Amino acid sequence: MHAEQHSLITAQDWNNAWKASWANRAEPHGSTYWNTRAKTFGGKDSPGSYTGQFLELAEILPEESVFDMGCGTGNLSVPLGTAGHNVLAADFSSVMLNRLNENLQKHDIACVKTTLLSWEDNWQECGILPESYDVCVASRSIATSDLADSLAKLTTIAKRRVCVTLAHGASPRIDDKLLRDMGIEVPPNYDFVYAIAILKAQGFIPELRYIPTERRDYFTDKEEAVEKYSEMITTAVGNNSPKLPDALERLPKWLDQNLESQDGMLTLKHPRQVPWAFISWNKF
């Protein structure tokens, strides 16, 4: 009798599955898009929000240094700097970094430095050496066709610990309720599963927890809301979908039923529920 043969699923197998999934997605937004979005971004979240939950779960020890990849305008870097941590904040959007530097100057924070960097760059050639920071974080910023490479870069730079967040539900730019009410199927999101599988195959013991958040969109009038959600529907189903004309026709009535006024602006009565998967792993 021959022993039963089992095929080993490697980190590369999982990464190939990620790449196949990535190839079917919409083209990721580049630095030009995020340079424009930066104008609407704030410097930090309110206490008890996503930022507070992330930092609590990250368990960064006093005086530890931090590498913040995809830092944006400083949701993590600003409070970390305020707490006295030496931080290198990296992003591929120069406008994001300009906004962050303004926030740092405003709060007189000197222990946070910034650098222009993308996931695709050679980090060591950019002067970011192995084990040069105690903790590496990537908050809602992993948008790359090579997930294993991005996770490996963070692991290489960290001395002790890495913490990332990936989408758990549908895209945070998608309103699940709207699409379902329009009869549009919302596919599940498995981004965090790929990350956990890759890390386990590499011999790490990744820890998974969740950060629940709410998101609201505000509009000056109904026409602006129609434009926003029409774009959302079109992106979700595609321009050639037979469901698109009916969904766009039904949208104005749906907004009449679901919009309300708050402080002179229009917003949906029920904010979007956006859960994030918080994944952490230790080097040793």
C-alpha atoms as a PDB file:
ATOM      1  CA  MET A   1       0.000   0.000   0.000  1.00  0.00           C
ATOM      2  CA  HIS A   2       1.358   3.341  -0.971  1.00  0.00           C
ATOM      3  CA  ALA A   3       1.295   6.147   1.560  1.00  0.00           C
ATOM      4  CA  GLU A   4      -1.253   8.801   0.697  1.00  0.00           C
ATOM      5  CA  GLN A   5       0.390  11.747  -1.017  1.00  0.00           C
ATOM      6  CA  HIS A   6      -0.471  15.273   0.084  1.00  0.00           C
ATOM      7  CA  SER A   7       0.521  18.301  -1.986  1.00  0.00           C
ATOM      8  CA  LEU A   8       2.045  21.091   0.078  1.00  0.00           C
ATOM      9  CA  ILE A   9       0.441  24.499  -0.383  1.00  0.00           C
ATOM     10  CA  THR A  10       3.248  27.034  -0.215  1.00  0.00           C
ATOM     11  CA  ALA A  11       3.347  30.772   0.357  1.00  0.00           C
ATOM     12  CA  GLN A  12       4.022  31.136  -3.368  1.00  0.00           C
ATOM     13  CA  ASP A  13       0.839  29.197  -4.148  1.00  0.00           C
ATOM     14  CA  TRP A  14      -1.185  31.597  -2.029  1.00  0.00           C
ATOM     15  CA  ASN A  15       0.575  34.580  -3.555  1.00  0.00           C
ATOM     16  CA  ASN A  16      -0.192  33.303  -7.046  1.00  0.00           C
ATOM     17  CA  ALA A  17      -3.851  33.054  -6.039  1.00  0.00           C
ATOM     18  CA  TRP A  18      -3.659  36.649  -4.791  1.00  0.00           C
ATOM     19  CA  LYS A  19      -2.116  37.772  -8.090  1.00  0.00           C
ATOM     20  CA  ALA A  20      -4.887  36.042 -10.041  1.00  0.00           C
ATOM     21  CA  SER A  21      -7.490  37.799  -7.913  1.00  0.00           C
ATOM     22  CA  TRP A  22      -5.661  41.115  -8.297  1.00  0.00           C
ATOM     23  CA  ALA A  23      -5.620  40.790 -12.085  1.00  0.00           C
ATOM     24  CA  ASN A  24      -9.440  40.809 -12.130  1.00  0.00           C
ATOM     25  CA  ARG A  25      -9.745  43.996 -10.099  1.00  0.00           C
ATOM     26  CA  ALA A  26     -10.103  47.549 -11.260  1.00  0.00           C
ATOM     27  CA  GLU A  27      -6.814  49.330 -11.909  1.00  0.00           C
ATOM     28  CA  PRO A  28      -5.494  50.510  -8.508  1.00  0.00           C
ATOM     29  CA  HIS A  29      -5.364  54.229  -7.888  1.00  0.00           C
ATOM     30  CA  GLY A  30      -1.950  55.823  -8.417  1.00  0.00           C
ATOM     31  CA  SER A  31      -0.199  58.685  -6.669  1.00  0.00           C
ATOM     32  CA  THR A  32      -2.047  61.309  -8.755  1.00  0.00           C
ATOM     33  CA  TYR A  33      -5.401  60.100  -7.391  1.00  0.00           C
ATOM     34  CA  TRP A  34      -4.155  60.107  -3.806  1.00  0.00           C
ATOM     35  CA  ASN A  35      -2.524  63.511  -4.234  1.00  0.00           C
ATOM     36  CA  THR A  36      -6.009  64.831  -5.049  1.00  0.00           C
ATOM     37  CA  ARG A  37      -7.666  62.895  -2.207  1.00  0.00           C
ATOM     38  CA  ALA A  38      -5.113  64.246   0.267  1.00  0.00           C
ATOM     39  CA  LYS A  39      -6.808  67.643   0.155  1.00  0.00           C
ATOM     40  CA  THR A  40      -9.821  66.182   1.997  1.00  0.00           C
ATOM     41  CA  PHE A  41      -7.884  64.122   4.552  1.00  0.00           C
ATOM     42  CA  GLY A  42      -7.463  65.067   8.191  1.00  0.00           C
ATOM     43  CA  GLY A  43      -4.388  64.483  10.299  1.00  0.00           C
ATOM     44  CA  LYS A  44      -5.785  62.057  12.853  1.00  0.00           C
ATOM     45  CA  ASP A  45      -8.954  60.321  13.946  1.00  0.00           C
ATOM     46  CA  SER A  46     -10.919  61.100  17.077  1.00  0.00           C
ATOM     47  CA  PRO A  47     -10.269  59.135  20.301  1.00  0.00           C
ATOM     48  CA  GLY A  48     -11.815  55.658  20.328  1.00  0.00           C
ATOM     49  CA  SER A  49     -11.989  55.566  16.542  1.00  0.00           C
ATOM     50  CA  TYR A  50     -10.092  53.372  14.100  1.00  0.00           C
ATOM     51  CA  THR A  51      -6.733  54.966  14.989  1.00  0.00           C
ATOM     52  CA  GLY A  52      -7.173  54.408  18.706  1.00  0.00           C
ATOM     53  CA  GLN A  53      -8.189  50.790  18.178  1.00  0.00           C
ATOM     54  CA  PHE A  54      -5.268  50.139  15.827  1.00  0.00           C
ATOM     55  CA  LEU A  55      -2.693  51.539  18.252  1.00  0.00           C
ATOM     56  CA  GLU A  56      -4.180  49.597  21.157  1.00  0.00           C
ATOM     57  CA  LEU A  57      -3.996  46.320  19.219  1.00  0.00           C
ATOM     58  CA  ALA A  58      -0.496  47.111  17.914  1.00  0.00           C
ATOM     59  CA  GLU A  59       0.930  46.936  21.456  1.00  0.00           C
ATOM     60  CA  ILE A  60       3.891  49.167  20.633  1.00  0.00           C
ATOM     61  CA  LEU A  61       6.164  49.402  23.654  1.00  0.00           C
ATOM     62  CA  PRO A  62       7.429  52.712  25.105  1.00  0.00           C
ATOM     63  CA  GLU A  63      10.406  54.146  23.204  1.00  0.00           C
ATOM     64  CA  GLU A  64      10.099  51.636  20.343  1.00  0.00           C
ATOM     65  CA  SER A  65      10.753  52.998  16.865  1.00  0.00           C
ATOM     66  CA  VAL A  66       8.092  52.594  14.150  1.00  0.00           C
ATOM     67  CA  PHE A  67       8.068  52.411  10.362  1.00  0.00           C
ATOM     68  CA  ASP A  68       4.661  53.568   9.063  1.00  0.00           C
ATOM     69  CA  MET A  69       4.182  52.434   5.451  1.00  0.00           C
ATOM     70  CA  GLY A  70       1.380  54.148   3.537  1.00  0.00           C
ATOM     71  CA  CYS A  71       1.160  56.761   6.278  1.00  0.00           C
ATOM     72  CA  GLY A  72      -1.192  59.152   4.460  1.00  0.00           C
ATOM     73  CA  THR A  73      -1.555  62.416   6.343  1.00  0.00           C
ATOM     74  CA  GLY A  74      -0.515  60.850   9.647  1.00  0.00           C
ATOM     75  CA  ASN A  75      -3.415  59.034  11.310  1.00  0.00           C
ATOM     76  CA  LEU A  76      -0.872  56.816  13.064  1.00  0.00           C
ATOM     77  CA  SER A  77       2.335  58.819  12.768  1.00  0.00           C
ATOM     78  CA  VAL A  78       1.008  61.937  14.502  1.00  0.00           C
ATOM     79  CA  PRO A  79      -0.215  60.199  17.696  1.00  0.00           C
ATOM     80  CA  LEU A  80       2.889  57.991  17.720  1.00  0.00           C
ATOM     81  CA  GLY A  81       5.103  61.052  17.464  1.00  0.00           C
ATOM     82  CA  THR A  82       3.076  62.801  20.148  1.00  0.00           C
ATOM     83  CA  ALA A  83       3.785  59.805  22.396  1.00  0.00           C
ATOM     84  CA  GLY A  84       7.521  60.210  21.736  1.00  0.00           C
ATOM     85  CA  HIS A  85       8.178  57.352  19.315  1.00  0.00           C
ATOM     86  CA  ASN A  86      10.765  57.827  16.590  1.00  0.00           C
ATOM     87  CA  VAL A  87       8.811  57.238  13.363  1.00  0.00           C
ATOM     88  CA  LEU A  88       9.681  57.025   9.681  1.00  0.00           C
ATOM     89  CA  ALA A  89       6.456  57.777   7.800  1.00  0.00           C
ATOM     90  CA  ALA A  90       6.448  56.652   4.156  1.00  0.00           C
ATOM     91  CA  ASP A  91       3.956  57.200   1.348  1.00  0.00           C
ATOM     92  CA  PHE A  92       4.014  57.393  -2.455  1.00  0.00           C
ATOM     93  CA  SER A  93       1.864  60.540  -2.441  1.00  0.00           C
ATOM     94  CA  SER A  94       3.927  63.723  -2.095  1.00  0.00           C
ATOM     95  CA  VAL A  95       0.810  65.729  -1.230  1.00  0.00           C
ATOM     96  CA  MET A  96      -0.036  63.317   1.609  1.00  0.00           C
ATOM     97  CA  LEU A  97       3.471  63.782   2.977  1.00  0.00           C
ATOM     98  CA  ASN A  98       3.195  67.569   2.654  1.00  0.00           C
ATOM     99  CA  ARG A  99      -0.017  67.475   4.691  1.00  0.00           C
ATOM    100  CA  LEU A 100       1.663  65.244   7.263  1.00  0.00           C
ATOM    101  CA  ASN A 101       4.649  67.586   7.563  1.00  0.00           C
ATOM    102  CA  GLU A 102       2.243  70.468   8.120  1.00  0.00           C
ATOM    103  CA  ASN A 103       0.577  68.481  10.916  1.00  0.00           C
ATOM    104  CA  LEU A 104       3.943  67.669  12.472  1.00  0.00           C
ATOM    105  CA  GLN A 105       5.030  71.293  12.377  1.00  0.00           C
ATOM    106  CA  LYS A 106       1.699  72.441  13.796  1.00  0.00           C
ATOM    107  CA  HIS A 107       2.038  70.075  16.767  1.00  0.00           C
ATOM    108  CA  ASP A 108       5.804  70.660  17.119  1.00  0.00           C
ATOM    109  CA  ILE A 109       6.633  66.967  16.617  1.00  0.00           C
ATOM    110  CA  ALA A 110      10.282  66.472  15.690  1.00  0.00           C
ATOM    111  CA  CYS A 111      10.635  62.701  16.114  1.00  0.00           C
ATOM    112  CA  VAL A 112       8.659  61.817  12.957  1.00  0.00           C
ATOM    113  CA  LYS A 113      10.517  61.900   9.636  1.00  0.00           C
ATOM    114  CA  THR A 114       8.923  61.409   6.224  1.00  0.00           C
ATOM    115  CA  THR A 115      10.052  59.780   2.987  1.00  0.00           C
ATOM    116  CA  LEU A 116       8.559  59.289  -0.476  1.00  0.00           C
ATOM    117  CA  LEU A 117       8.300  55.534  -1.025  1.00  0.00           C
ATOM    118  CA  SER A 118       6.098  52.992  -2.816  1.00  0.00           C
ATOM    119  CA  TRP A 119       5.549  49.279  -2.245  1.00  0.00           C
ATOM    120  CA  GLU A 120       7.315  48.559  -5.524  1.00  0.00           C
ATOM    121  CA  ASP A 121      10.510  50.477  -4.670  1.00  0.00           C
ATOM    122  CA  ASN A 122      13.683  48.734  -3.544  1.00  0.00           C
ATOM    123  CA  TRP A 123      13.541  49.753   0.104  1.00  0.00           C
ATOM    124  CA  GLN A 124      17.145  48.920   0.924  1.00  0.00           C
ATOM    125  CA  GLU A 125      18.370  51.031  -1.989  1.00  0.00           C
ATOM    126  CA  CYS A 126      16.233  53.822  -0.484  1.00  0.00           C
ATOM    127  CA  GLY A 127      18.176  53.486   2.774  1.00  0.00           C
ATOM    128  CA  ILE A 128      15.620  51.462   4.761  1.00  0.00           C
ATOM    129  CA  LEU A 129      17.719  48.596   6.072  1.00  0.00           C
ATOM    130  CA  PRO A 130      16.775  45.218   7.614  1.00  0.00           C
ATOM    131  CA  GLU A 131      15.703  45.350  11.259  1.00  0.00           C
ATOM    132  CA  SER A 132      16.012  49.126  11.327  1.00  0.00           C
ATOM    133  CA  TYR A 133      12.692  49.695  13.191  1.00  0.00           C
ATOM    134  CA  ASP A 134      11.225  47.866  16.168  1.00  0.00           C
ATOM    135  CA  VAL A 135       7.689  47.762  14.738  1.00  0.00           C
ATOM    136  CA  CYS A 136       6.392  48.114  11.176  1.00  0.00           C
ATOM    137  CA  VAL A 137       2.787  49.117  10.494  1.00  0.00           C
ATOM    138  CA  ALA A 138       0.727  49.386   7.310  1.00  0.00           C
ATOM    139  CA  SER A 139      -2.721  50.762   8.018  1.00  0.00           C
ATOM    140  CA  ARG A 140      -5.302  50.323   5.232  1.00  0.00           C
ATOM    141  CA  SER A 141      -2.476  50.862   2.751  1.00  0.00           C
ATOM    142  CA  ILE A 142      -1.552  47.494   1.194  1.00  0.00           C
ATOM    143  CA  ALA A 143      -2.532  47.897  -2.462  1.00  0.00           C
ATOM    144  CA  THR A 144      -0.098  45.757  -4.399  1.00  0.00           C
ATOM    145  CA  SER A 145      -0.146  42.933  -6.919  1.00  0.00           C
ATOM    146  CA  ASP A 146       2.567  41.078  -4.973  1.00  0.00           C
ATOM    147  CA  LEU A 147       1.240  40.587  -1.454  1.00  0.00           C
ATOM    148  CA  ALA A 148       3.967  38.179  -0.345  1.00  0.00           C
ATOM    149  CA  ASP A 149       6.669  40.655  -1.357  1.00  0.00           C
ATOM    150  CA  SER A 150       4.989  43.500   0.534  1.00  0.00           C
ATOM    151  CA  LEU A 151       4.569  41.412   3.691  1.00  0.00           C
ATOM    152  CA  ALA A 152       8.179  40.224   3.398  1.00  0.00           C
ATOM    153  CA  LYS A 153       9.435  43.795   3.114  1.00  0.00           C
ATOM    154  CA  LEU A 154       7.660  44.770   6.320  1.00  0.00           C
ATOM    155  CA  THR A 155       8.935  41.655   8.094  1.00  0.00           C
ATOM    156  CA  THR A 156      12.505  42.329   6.980  1.00  0.00           C
ATOM    157  CA  ILE A 157      12.482  45.923   8.231  1.00  0.00           C
ATOM    158  CA  ALA A 158      10.963  45.050  11.630  1.00  0.00           C
ATOM    159  CA  LYS A 159      13.051  43.987  14.596  1.00  0.00           C
ATOM    160  CA  ARG A 160      10.140  42.702  16.689  1.00  0.00           C
ATOM    161  CA  ARG A 161       6.624  43.028  15.284  1.00  0.00           C
ATOM    162  CA  VAL A 162       4.488  43.851  12.219  1.00  0.00           C
ATOM    163  CA  CYS A 163       0.874  45.062  12.205  1.00  0.00           C
ATOM    164  CA  VAL A 164      -1.308  45.582   9.126  1.00  0.00           C
ATOM    165  CA  THR A 165      -4.967  46.064   8.308  1.00  0.00           C
ATOM    166  CA  LEU A 166      -6.768  44.742   5.243  1.00  0.00           C
ATOM    167  CA  ALA A 167     -10.397  45.003   4.193  1.00  0.00           C
ATOM    168  CA  HIS A 168     -12.683  42.391   5.721  1.00  0.00           C
ATOM    169  CA  GLY A 169     -15.999  43.279   4.098  1.00  0.00           C
ATOM    170  CA  ALA A 170     -16.565  44.683   0.645  1.00  0.00           C
ATOM    171  CA  SER A 171     -14.433  47.596  -0.507  1.00  0.00           C
ATOM    172  CA  PRO A 172     -14.701  50.526   1.938  1.00  0.00           C
ATOM    173  CA  ARG A 173     -15.673  52.638  -1.078  1.00  0.00           C
ATOM    174  CA  ILE A 174     -18.762  50.460  -1.642  1.00  0.00           C
ATOM    175  CA  ASP A 175     -22.117  50.785   0.156  1.00  0.00           C
ATOM    176  CA  ASP A 176     -23.324  47.195   0.615  1.00  0.00           C
ATOM    177  CA  LYS A 177     -26.885  48.196   1.470  1.00  0.00           C
ATOM    178  CA  LEU A 178     -27.274  50.388  -1.592  1.00  0.00           C
ATOM    179  CA  LEU A 179     -26.042  47.689  -3.957  1.00  0.00           C
ATOM    180  CA  ARG A 180     -28.177  44.958  -2.423  1.00  0.00           C
ATOM    181  CA  ASP A 181     -31.249  47.187  -2.525  1.00  0.00           C
ATOM    182  CA  MET A 182     -30.511  47.692  -6.217  1.00  0.00           C
ATOM    183  CA  GLY A 183     -30.418  43.910  -6.720  1.00  0.00           C
ATOM    184  CA  ILE A 184     -26.647  43.859  -7.195  1.00  0.00           C
ATOM    185  CA  GLU A 185     -24.646  41.021  -5.668  1.00  0.00           C
ATOM    186  CA  VAL A 186     -21.829  42.144  -3.391  1.00  0.00           C
ATOM    187  CA  PRO A 187     -18.959  39.639  -3.579  1.00  0.00           C
ATOM    188  CA  PRO A 188     -17.189  38.768  -0.305  1.00  0.00           C
ATOM    189  CA  ASN A 189     -13.697  40.082   0.344  1.00  0.00           C
ATOM    190  CA  TYR A 190     -10.944  37.599   1.196  1.00  0.00           C
ATOM    191  CA  ASP A 191      -7.901  39.908   1.151  1.00  0.00           C
ATOM    192  CA  PHE A 192      -7.049  39.233   4.794  1.00  0.00           C
ATOM    193  CA  VAL A 193      -7.290  35.460   4.251  1.00  0.00           C
ATOM    194  CA  TYR A 194      -4.512  35.561   1.647  1.00  0.00           C
ATOM    195  CA  ALA A 195      -2.264  37.471   4.058  1.00  0.00           C
ATOM    196  CA  ILE A 196      -2.840  35.017   6.905  1.00  0.00           C
ATOM    197  CA  ALA A 197      -2.274  32.028   4.623  1.00  0.00           C
ATOM    198  CA  ILE A 198       0.974  33.452   3.227  1.00  0.00           C
ATOM    199  CA  LEU A 199       2.304  34.248   6.693  1.00  0.00           C
ATOM    200  CA  LYS A 200       1.395  30.811   8.088  1.00  0.00           C
ATOM    201  CA  ALA A 201       3.071  29.130   5.113  1.00  0.00           C
ATOM    202  CA  GLN A 202       6.187  31.182   5.894  1.00  0.00           C
ATOM    203  CA  GLY A 203       6.236  29.855   9.459  1.00  0.00           C
ATOM    204  CA  PHE A 204       4.762  32.825  11.333  1.00  0.00           C
ATOM    205  CA  ILE A 205       1.833  32.711  13.738  1.00  0.00           C
ATOM    206  CA  PRO A 206      -0.352  35.631  12.596  1.00  0.00           C
ATOM    207  CA  GLU A 207      -2.945  36.953  15.011  1.00  0.00           C
ATOM    208  CA  LEU A 208      -6.308  38.124  13.625  1.00  0.00           C
ATOM    209  CA  ARG A 209      -8.569  40.678  15.274  1.00  0.00           C
ATOM    210  CA  TYR A 210     -11.124  43.132  13.952  1.00  0.00           C
ATOM    211  CA  ILE A 211     -11.601  46.896  13.970  1.00  0.00           C
ATOM    212  CA  PRO A 212     -15.221  47.907  13.294  1.00  0.00           C
ATOM    213  CA  THR A 213     -15.683  51.378  11.813  1.00  0.00           C
ATOM    214  CA  GLU A 214     -18.480  53.533  10.418  1.00  0.00           C
ATOM    215  CA  ARG A 215     -18.238  55.757   7.366  1.00  0.00           C
ATOM    216  CA  ARG A 216     -20.468  58.606   6.250  1.00  0.00           C
ATOM    217  CA  ASP A 217     -20.563  60.544   2.998  1.00  0.00           C
ATOM    218  CA  TYR A 218     -21.843  64.131   3.066  1.00  0.00           C
ATOM    219  CA  PHE A 219     -23.371  66.037   0.172  1.00  0.00           C
ATOM    220  CA  THR A 220     -24.449  69.616  -0.429  1.00  0.00           C
ATOM    221  CA  ASP A 221     -27.515  68.494  -2.395  1.00  0.00           C
ATOM    222  CA  LYS A 222     -29.257  65.419  -3.809  1.00  0.00           C
ATOM    223  CA  GLU A 223     -27.665  65.867  -7.242  1.00  0.00           C
ATOM    224  CA  GLU A 224     -24.212  65.456  -5.715  1.00  0.00           C
ATOM    225  CA  ALA A 225     -25.386  62.289  -3.958  1.00  0.00           C
ATOM    226  CA  VAL A 226     -26.819  60.912  -7.199  1.00  0.00           C
ATOM    227  CA  GLU A 227     -23.480  61.495  -8.936  1.00  0.00           C
ATOM    228  CA  LYS A 228     -21.501  59.811  -6.143  1.00  0.00           C
ATOM    229  CA  TYR A 229     -23.679  56.716  -5.893  1.00  0.00           C
ATOM    230  CA  SER A 230     -24.173  56.399  -9.646  1.00  0.00           C
ATOM    231  CA  GLU A 231     -20.398  56.137  -9.955  1.00  0.00           C
ATOM    232  CA  MET A 232     -20.361  53.560  -7.158  1.00  0.00           C
ATOM    233  CA  ILE A 233     -23.009  51.430  -8.883  1.00  0.00           C
ATOM    234  CA  THR A 234     -21.284  51.685 -12.260  1.00  0.00           C
ATOM    235  CA  THR A 235     -17.936  50.667 -10.751  1.00  0.00           C
ATOM    236  CA  ALA A 236     -19.548  47.702  -8.992  1.00  0.00           C
ATOM    237  CA  VAL A 237     -21.365  46.217 -12.011  1.00  0.00           C
ATOM    238  CA  GLY A 238     -19.469  47.609 -15.000  1.00  0.00           C
ATOM    239  CA  ASN A 239     -20.645  49.822 -17.845  1.00  0.00           C
ATOM    240  CA  ASN A 240     -21.988  46.908 -19.892  1.00  0.00           C
ATOM    241  CA  SER A 241     -24.029  45.209 -17.166  1.00  0.00           C
ATOM    242  CA  PRO A 242     -27.741  44.702 -17.995  1.00  0.00           C
ATOM    243  CA  LYS A 243     -28.492  45.634 -14.362  1.00  0.00           C
ATOM    244  CA  LEU A 244     -26.969  49.095 -14.696  1.00  0.00           C
ATOM    245  CA  PRO A 245     -29.843  51.034 -16.381  1.00  0.00           C
ATOM    246  CA  ASP A 246     -32.457  49.772 -13.902  1.00  0.00           C
ATOM    247  CA  ALA A 247     -30.223  50.465 -10.885  1.00  0.00           C
ATOM    248  CA  LEU A 248     -29.462  54.021 -12.020  1.00  0.00           C
ATOM    249  CA  GLU A 249     -33.149  54.651 -12.663  1.00  0.00           C
ATOM    250  CA  ARG A 250     -34.104  53.469  -9.171  1.00  0.00           C
ATOM    251  CA  LEU A 251     -31.319  55.366  -7.409  1.00  0.00           C
ATOM    252  CA  PRO A 252     -33.031  58.803  -7.019  1.00  0.00           C
ATOM    253  CA  LYS A 253     -36.060  57.261  -5.286  1.00  0.00           C
ATOM    254  CA  TRP A 254     -33.777  55.192  -3.036  1.00  0.00           C
ATOM    255  CA  LEU A 255     -31.927  58.366  -2.026  1.00  0.00           C
ATOM    256  CA  ASP A 256     -35.227  60.118  -1.232  1.00  0.00           C
ATOM    257  CA  GLN A 257     -35.968  57.301   1.205  1.00  0.00           C
ATOM    258  CA  ASN A 258     -32.500  57.072   2.749  1.00  0.00           C
ATOM    259  CA  LEU A 259     -31.033  60.590   2.856  1.00  0.00           C
ATOM    260  CA  GLU A 260     -31.421  62.886   5.828  1.00  0.00           C
ATOM    261  CA  SER A 261     -30.168  66.357   6.728  1.00  0.00           C
ATOM    262  CA  GLN A 262     -27.373  66.834   9.273  1.00  0.00           C
ATOM    263  CA  ASP A 263     -25.922  70.262  10.020  1.00  0.00           C
ATOM    264  CA  GLY A 264     -27.008  71.605   6.653  1.00  0.00           C
ATOM    265  CA  MET A 265     -25.596  68.642   4.692  1.00  0.00           C
ATOM    266  CA  LEU A 266     -27.198  65.478   3.330  1.00  0.00           C
ATOM    267  CA  THR A 267     -26.051  62.044   4.464  1.00  0.00           C
ATOM    268  CA  LEU A 268     -27.491  58.536   4.595  1.00  0.00           C
ATOM    269  CA  LYS A 269     -29.604  57.732   7.657  1.00  0.00           C
ATOM    270  CA  HIS A 270     -27.508  54.654   8.358  1.00  0.00           C
ATOM    271  CA  PRO A 271     -23.726  54.982   8.018  1.00  0.00           C
ATOM    272  CA  ARG A 272     -21.776  52.311   6.199  1.00  0.00           C
ATOM    273  CA  GLN A 273     -20.337  49.591   8.438  1.00  0.00           C
ATOM    274  CA  VAL A 274     -16.718  49.025   7.398  1.00  0.00           C
ATOM    275  CA  PRO A 275     -14.871  46.265   9.298  1.00  0.00           C
ATOM    276  CA  TRP A 276     -11.083  45.980   9.036  1.00  0.00           C
ATOM    277  CA  ALA A 277      -9.038  42.854   9.662  1.00  0.00           C
ATOM    278  CA  PHE A 278      -6.099  43.624  11.971  1.00  0.00           C
ATOM    279  CA  ILE A 279      -3.266  41.128  11.428  1.00  0.00           C
ATOM    280  CA  SER A 280      -0.123  41.095  13.568  1.00  0.00           C
ATOM    281  CA  TRP A 281       2.887  38.805  13.788  1.00  0.00           C
ATOM    282  CA  ASN A 282       6.083  38.752  15.832  1.00  0.00           C
ATOM    283  CA  LYS A 283       9.540  38.037  14.438  1.00  0.00           C
ATOM    284  CA  PHE A 284      10.588  35.730  17.292  1.00  0.00           C
END
